[in-house]
Amino acid sequence: MYAALSMMFAWLIQKRRLKQNPCVGVHRPEKPKARERVLTNDEIKKFWKATEKMSHPFGQLLKLLLLTGCRLNEVAGMRRSELSDEGQTWTIPGTRTKNKKTHIVPLPQMARDILASVKTEGDLIFTTNGKTKVSGWSKTKRRLDAAMKIKPWRLHDLRRTCATGMAESPPVGLGVAPHIVEACLNHISGAKAGVAGIYNLATYADEKTAALERWAEHVTNLLGASQ
């Protein structure tokens, strides 16, 4: 909030609407620490079980958050026109991604089966009225928490859980190479940051497909072990 207000007042001064920035001299709050919350295998099983009790299509959407590692707004705004003819890939246009870069997401069979179970009509997949994407996530999260009964977490932690599960060394994780995990998350950092990113234009399509397939298989095995 401080950063946004300071930038706004600086712009107003530049446009000669104000003579001074009210934020000058005000203590700038420290940046919040980066979150490190990752769901454990046992919590993943509780999460999946809780999604089974959610109303349609919220349960399916929540499962896809874990399986794809995509952001909530990206999945919530998914359209059938973004899916390939075979449904094996999902192309998120740059207008809907945080870094404005088109993101091609390989969909493992488990994710395709979940999408097939969504009974909505029209281009927008996750909708209850056929016009707008689903919302009301605070209420949905409270229902999840009531069912799961675990320590505090956020829906965005599912993205970190997916990434960590792929990156951790076996037997804890899958041992997927860091640059492949970044590609799965549509991150422009690490192996493709700075000058490297200018020359390294590889999409790692096959590697991303294999990584997400292995992650879906890992989740499947967890669910099987809980039955």
Protein backbone atom coordinates (compact mmCIF):
# COMPACT_ATOMS: atom_id res chain seq x y z
CA MET A 1 0.00 0.00 0.00
CA TYR A 2 2.85 2.37 0.85
CA ALA A 3 4.57 1.69 -2.49
CA ALA A 4 1.35 2.21 -4.45
CA LEU A 5 0.48 5.47 -2.69
CA SER A 6 4.02 6.84 -2.97
CA MET A 7 4.06 6.12 -6.71
CA MET A 8 0.64 7.72 -7.17
CA PHE A 9 1.62 10.90 -5.30
CA ALA A 10 4.92 11.10 -7.20
CA TRP A 11 2.93 10.95 -10.45
CA LEU A 12 0.60 13.70 -9.21
CA ILE A 13 3.59 15.91 -8.42
CA GLN A 14 5.01 15.23 -11.89
CA LYS A 15 1.68 16.31 -13.39
CA ARG A 16 1.67 19.39 -11.13
CA ARG A 17 -1.47 18.33 -9.27
CA LEU A 18 0.35 18.33 -5.93
CA LYS A 19 3.35 20.18 -4.51
CA GLN A 20 4.65 17.49 -2.17
CA ASN A 21 4.45 13.76 -1.57
CA PRO A 22 2.61 12.98 1.72
CA CYS A 23 4.57 9.71 1.92
CA VAL A 24 7.89 11.52 2.36
CA GLY A 25 9.09 11.01 5.92
CA VAL A 26 6.62 8.20 6.58
CA HIS A 27 8.19 4.90 7.65
CA ARG A 28 8.25 2.41 4.81
CA PRO A 29 7.06 -0.99 6.11
CA GLU A 30 9.41 -3.90 5.60
CA LYS A 31 8.56 -6.35 2.86
CA PRO A 32 6.74 -9.44 4.18
CA LYS A 33 8.79 -12.58 4.35
CA ALA A 34 8.35 -15.01 1.48
CA ARG A 35 5.91 -17.75 2.32
CA GLU A 36 7.29 -21.25 2.72
CA ARG A 37 4.10 -23.22 3.39
CA VAL A 38 3.99 -26.51 1.51
CA LEU A 39 1.32 -29.14 2.06
CA THR A 40 2.65 -32.46 3.31
CA ASN A 41 1.63 -35.73 1.66
CA ASP A 42 -0.88 -36.33 4.42
CA GLU A 43 -2.30 -32.82 3.95
CA ILE A 44 -2.54 -33.39 0.20
CA LYS A 45 -4.70 -36.45 0.87
CA LYS A 46 -6.90 -34.42 3.22
CA PHE A 47 -7.15 -31.66 0.65
CA TRP A 48 -8.21 -34.06 -2.10
CA LYS A 49 -10.79 -35.70 0.15
CA ALA A 50 -12.18 -32.27 1.06
CA THR A 51 -12.52 -31.28 -2.61
CA GLU A 52 -14.74 -34.31 -3.17
CA LYS A 53 -17.31 -32.65 -0.91
CA MET A 54 -17.20 -29.27 -2.67
CA SER A 55 -20.01 -28.22 -4.98
CA HIS A 56 -19.59 -28.38 -8.77
CA PRO A 57 -17.37 -27.05 -10.32
CA PHE A 58 -15.32 -25.81 -7.34
CA GLY A 59 -14.00 -29.25 -6.45
CA GLN A 60 -12.68 -29.88 -9.95
CA LEU A 61 -11.04 -26.45 -10.11
CA LEU A 62 -9.27 -26.96 -6.78
CA LYS A 63 -7.87 -30.29 -7.92
CA LEU A 64 -6.47 -28.68 -11.06
CA LEU A 65 -4.69 -26.06 -8.96
CA LEU A 66 -2.70 -28.84 -7.31
CA LEU A 67 -2.10 -30.86 -10.49
CA THR A 68 -1.00 -27.99 -12.76
CA GLY A 69 0.64 -25.57 -10.33
CA CYS A 70 -1.14 -22.72 -12.11
CA ARG A 71 -2.48 -19.62 -10.40
CA LEU A 72 -6.07 -19.43 -9.16
CA ASN A 73 -7.20 -16.78 -11.65
CA GLU A 74 -5.60 -18.68 -14.51
CA VAL A 75 -7.50 -21.88 -13.75
CA ALA A 76 -10.73 -20.09 -12.80
CA GLY A 77 -10.70 -18.28 -16.15
CA MET A 78 -9.96 -21.39 -18.21
CA ARG A 79 -11.84 -21.54 -21.51
CA ARG A 80 -12.56 -24.48 -23.76
CA SER A 81 -11.11 -22.51 -26.67
CA GLU A 82 -7.76 -22.54 -24.82
CA LEU A 83 -7.62 -26.34 -24.89
CA SER A 84 -6.11 -28.28 -27.79
CA ASP A 85 -8.40 -30.46 -29.90
CA GLU A 86 -7.22 -33.57 -28.05
CA GLY A 87 -7.34 -31.78 -24.70
CA GLN A 88 -3.71 -32.64 -24.03
CA THR A 89 -2.52 -29.07 -23.72
CA TRP A 90 -3.94 -25.86 -22.33
CA THR A 91 -2.64 -22.56 -23.73
CA ILE A 92 -3.02 -19.62 -21.37
CA PRO A 93 -2.72 -16.38 -23.36
CA GLY A 94 -0.35 -13.69 -22.14
CA THR A 95 -3.33 -11.48 -21.35
CA ARG A 96 -4.17 -13.86 -18.50
CA THR A 97 -0.70 -14.63 -17.08
CA LYS A 98 1.18 -12.62 -14.47
CA ASN A 99 4.31 -12.15 -16.61
CA LYS A 100 2.30 -11.53 -19.80
CA LYS A 101 3.95 -14.55 -21.44
CA THR A 102 1.83 -17.20 -23.14
CA HIS A 103 1.96 -20.39 -21.06
CA ILE A 104 1.39 -23.84 -22.58
CA VAL A 105 0.40 -26.34 -19.90
CA PRO A 106 0.58 -30.08 -20.70
CA LEU A 107 -2.42 -31.73 -19.07
CA PRO A 108 -1.84 -35.20 -17.62
CA GLN A 109 -4.61 -37.76 -18.07
CA MET A 110 -5.75 -37.21 -14.50
CA ALA A 111 -6.33 -33.50 -15.22
CA ARG A 112 -8.12 -34.28 -18.50
CA ASP A 113 -10.46 -36.67 -16.71
CA ILE A 114 -11.27 -33.97 -14.16
CA LEU A 115 -12.02 -31.45 -16.91
CA ALA A 116 -14.27 -33.99 -18.64
CA SER A 117 -16.33 -34.21 -15.45
CA VAL A 118 -17.15 -30.48 -15.50
CA LYS A 119 -20.71 -30.20 -16.78
CA THR A 120 -20.95 -26.59 -17.87
CA GLU A 121 -21.84 -25.12 -21.24
CA GLY A 122 -20.19 -22.40 -23.26
CA ASP A 123 -16.56 -21.37 -23.59
CA LEU A 124 -15.97 -20.57 -19.92
CA ILE A 125 -15.43 -23.83 -18.06
CA PHE A 126 -15.55 -22.92 -14.38
CA THR A 127 -18.75 -20.95 -14.09
CA THR A 128 -22.06 -21.25 -12.29
CA ASN A 129 -24.01 -18.81 -14.47
CA GLY A 130 -22.39 -19.30 -17.88
CA LYS A 131 -21.25 -15.67 -17.97
CA THR A 132 -18.57 -15.14 -15.34
CA LYS A 133 -15.90 -17.30 -13.76
CA VAL A 134 -16.57 -18.72 -10.31
CA SER A 135 -15.76 -16.54 -7.30
CA GLY A 136 -16.41 -16.48 -3.56
CA TRP A 137 -13.08 -18.04 -2.63
CA SER A 138 -13.09 -16.88 0.98
CA LYS A 139 -16.21 -18.93 1.61
CA THR A 140 -14.80 -21.90 -0.29
CA LYS A 141 -11.54 -21.75 1.67
CA ARG A 142 -13.42 -21.74 4.99
CA ARG A 143 -15.21 -24.92 3.93
CA LEU A 144 -11.90 -26.53 2.99
CA ASP A 145 -10.36 -25.58 6.32
CA ALA A 146 -13.32 -26.98 8.23
CA ALA A 147 -12.98 -30.28 6.42
CA MET A 148 -9.18 -30.56 6.45
CA LYS A 149 -8.38 -29.34 9.99
CA ILE A 150 -4.69 -28.58 9.33
CA LYS A 151 -2.44 -25.65 10.21
CA PRO A 152 -3.13 -22.37 8.34
CA TRP A 153 -2.49 -22.35 4.59
CA ARG A 154 -3.53 -20.47 1.47
CA LEU A 155 -4.77 -21.62 -1.92
CA HIS A 156 -1.60 -20.22 -3.51
CA ASP A 157 0.35 -22.73 -1.40
CA LEU A 158 -0.95 -25.42 -3.77
CA ARG A 159 1.25 -23.90 -6.48
CA ARG A 160 4.28 -24.08 -4.17
CA THR A 161 3.34 -27.62 -3.17
CA CYS A 162 3.28 -28.71 -6.81
CA ALA A 163 6.64 -27.05 -7.54
CA THR A 164 8.30 -28.38 -4.40
CA GLY A 165 6.96 -31.89 -4.92
CA MET A 166 8.46 -32.00 -8.40
CA ALA A 167 11.78 -30.41 -7.41
CA GLU A 168 12.62 -32.24 -4.16
CA SER A 169 15.06 -35.11 -4.47
CA PRO A 170 13.68 -38.66 -4.23
CA PRO A 171 12.23 -40.26 -2.20
CA VAL A 172 10.67 -37.06 -0.83
CA GLY A 173 10.02 -35.59 -4.28
CA LEU A 174 10.45 -36.40 -7.95
CA GLY A 175 13.84 -34.84 -8.62
CA VAL A 176 12.70 -32.76 -11.60
CA ALA A 177 15.40 -30.31 -12.77
CA PRO A 178 14.88 -26.73 -11.49
CA HIS A 179 14.66 -25.18 -14.97
CA ILE A 180 11.91 -27.64 -15.91
CA VAL A 181 9.96 -26.81 -12.76
CA GLU A 182 10.30 -23.12 -13.65
CA ALA A 183 9.02 -23.85 -17.13
CA CYS A 184 6.03 -25.71 -15.68
CA LEU A 185 5.21 -22.63 -13.56
CA ASN A 186 5.86 -20.13 -16.38
CA HIS A 187 8.61 -18.49 -14.33
CA ILE A 188 11.16 -16.25 -16.05
CA SER A 189 13.99 -16.67 -13.58
CA GLY A 190 16.96 -18.87 -12.84
CA ALA A 191 18.03 -20.67 -16.02
CA LYS A 192 16.14 -18.25 -18.30
CA ALA A 193 16.74 -14.97 -16.46
CA GLY A 194 18.65 -12.02 -17.88
CA VAL A 195 20.91 -12.60 -20.87
CA ALA A 196 20.30 -16.37 -20.75
CA GLY A 197 16.62 -15.79 -21.41
CA ILE A 198 17.37 -13.82 -24.57
CA TYR A 199 19.11 -16.78 -26.19
CA ASN A 200 17.43 -19.70 -24.46
CA LEU A 201 14.04 -19.84 -26.13
CA ALA A 202 13.43 -23.53 -25.48
CA THR A 203 9.92 -24.35 -24.29
CA TYR A 204 10.86 -27.77 -22.81
CA ALA A 205 7.50 -29.13 -23.98
CA ASP A 206 8.43 -32.81 -23.63
CA GLU A 207 10.13 -32.29 -20.28
CA LYS A 208 7.16 -30.33 -18.93
CA THR A 209 4.79 -33.07 -20.07
CA ALA A 210 6.87 -35.75 -18.34
CA ALA A 211 7.20 -33.71 -15.14
CA LEU A 212 3.48 -33.00 -14.77
CA GLU A 213 2.62 -36.61 -15.65
CA ARG A 214 4.94 -37.80 -12.89
CA TRP A 215 3.44 -35.31 -10.45
CA ALA A 216 -0.09 -36.51 -11.26
CA GLU A 217 1.08 -40.09 -10.81
CA HIS A 218 2.58 -39.16 -7.44
CA VAL A 219 -0.74 -37.64 -6.33
CA THR A 220 -2.59 -40.73 -7.59
CA ASN A 221 -0.29 -42.98 -5.58
CA LEU A 222 -0.85 -40.87 -2.46
CA LEU A 223 -4.61 -41.17 -2.86
CA GLY A 224 -4.35 -44.90 -3.45
CA ALA A 225 -2.29 -45.32 -0.29
CA SER A 226 -4.98 -43.54 1.72
CA GLN A 227 -7.74 -45.90 0.65
